[in-house]
Amino acid sequence: MTGTAPMTFRPSIVILVILLLRLPTGVSAEEHFPGATWEHLPAGSGGWSAPALARADAWSKLIGSTAVMIVQHGLVVAEWGDTAARTPLASVRKSLLSALIGIAAPHYPNMIDTKLGDLGVEDNAPSLSAEEKTATVRDLLEARSGVYHPALCETTGAAELRPARFSHAPGTFWYYNNWDFNALGAIYEHTIGASIFDAFNREIARPIGMQDYRRSDGEYKTGAASVYPCYMFHMSARDLARFALLYLNNGRWGDRQIVPAQWVKDSTRPHSQTGSWFGSGYGYLWWTGPVDNNVLPIVTLPPGTFFAVGYGGQFAFVMPADDLIVVSLDAHYPEPGPDFREIGRLLWLVLAAGGFHDIGLDASIEAARGKPEDGATLSGLLSGKTLVYGDAAAGGPYRVRLGRDGAMALFKAESTVAYDTGTWNVTDNKYCRDWQKISPHHACFAVTQDGTVVQFFDHNGLMVIDARLTE
């Protein structure tokens, strides 16, 4: 993971052609906003295939999604599961806070560039240094504060990746930092003199007609790690889809501007590249991308896509180029939930069902260039060989040397020092490997071959690795 300078995208004729190619046939761009309830697109209309949508529905259930909403032009194309159930939101909460700050910003014109020291921001020992207090509210919005104090509601993985205290000056390095996000919540509440949950109910939920959200669906989580609590929301898929629709329409709901349009634009453009996290960009508490199409490598999303993500399989994708929203929630939080590859497959199936072009190749085992190899063939194919893959990935290309004795080692880029070591074998006609560091440590894959190309598929038949086989 590396911090980088802000990025900008320049429009080009190539992007314009891509956007035109993506339009499905038979789609009207007439604008709709839901009233008391959502309106639905008539089945089989608008260029959407009902059988293809059924395949997307089946996949969503296979990966554990419990509520899915697909919305185009403000109309529900399809919904599956219990879309009215209020589900605990993890990091999706941060995009909700971004909208509230954007609404408040015009009334407090100096708030965004105010330094933490001037706001009296402190934390428990060891508290903030003089340099840390020079971070601004904008730095927190961009996850570039340089304040690496322990935080509440921080995953174990994030805590392990947290840089050393005082290792980066404010504004110079991107790190997905729950301390930034929790402190932002406290700064916002102190500035406007009201709770996040009351403000969200008043400023957003009621104006856009959320059907299920109630003020009591918000709660604070406190603890010893920090004085700044995390602010947890419970929200239904259909209400989260309304919030996404608000941003799809540049902060406007009908004839009312809820969130300033410029704030929406600034929030959903990349101020940083996130490196090894999701391979995406990061705006103001929104993920942006794809940057190098490494976010969801098994689907190609249009330029300008942005999204909110939460631990436990919570996703809200906004694709302005397609006037499309896809929301997927998992009610099993805090269990892990669907990962990015699985959600990428869901998006591919949705886009295929809509007749969109330029969405990437089908990554299912059914569409593989070769048939799954049997155990004897597989052992002879892989033994003593090297797999090369992930050329465009952060840290790539990766090389996995498969020893004839069952040992293996993984190397990153041009390094001659193994990043991880382990063992491999063939069991039940599948390639199985056990790494020491890489998670999951143990996994087995079906393998197909087409010349020097070998592809590895997980238990759901979804491609994990597309590799070249070398001596």
Foldseek 3Di string as FASTA:
>chain_A
DWWDFFDDDDDDPVQVVQLVQFAAPQADLAADADDLDAAADPPPHRQFFPVLVVVLQVLLVVQFFQWKFKDFNRHTDDIHHDLQFWAKFFLLVLVLLLQLCLLCCVVVVCQQQDFQVVVVDWKPPVIDDPQLRNAGLVLLLQQQSLAQADDPSDDPVLNVVGDDRPPDGGPGIHGPHRVSSLVNQVSSCVVVVHHSLVSCVPQPCVVSNANRFDSVQWDWDDDDRIPGTDIMGTHGNVNVVSVLLCLLVQCDRVPRRRGHSVSSVQQAGFRIQDAQPQCFGGGRSKTYDDPLCSNAVQWDARHSKIWGDGFAAWIWIHRSSRSMIMTTHHNPPPPRTRDSNSVSLSVLSRSVSSRTPPTHDNQFQVPDPFHFAFQVVVLVQQEQKKWWFDCPGRQDGKIWGQHNVFKIFIHTDPDPDGPWIWGWGADRSWIWIAIDPDPPRIATWTWGDDPQWIWTAHPVRGTDTTTGIGD
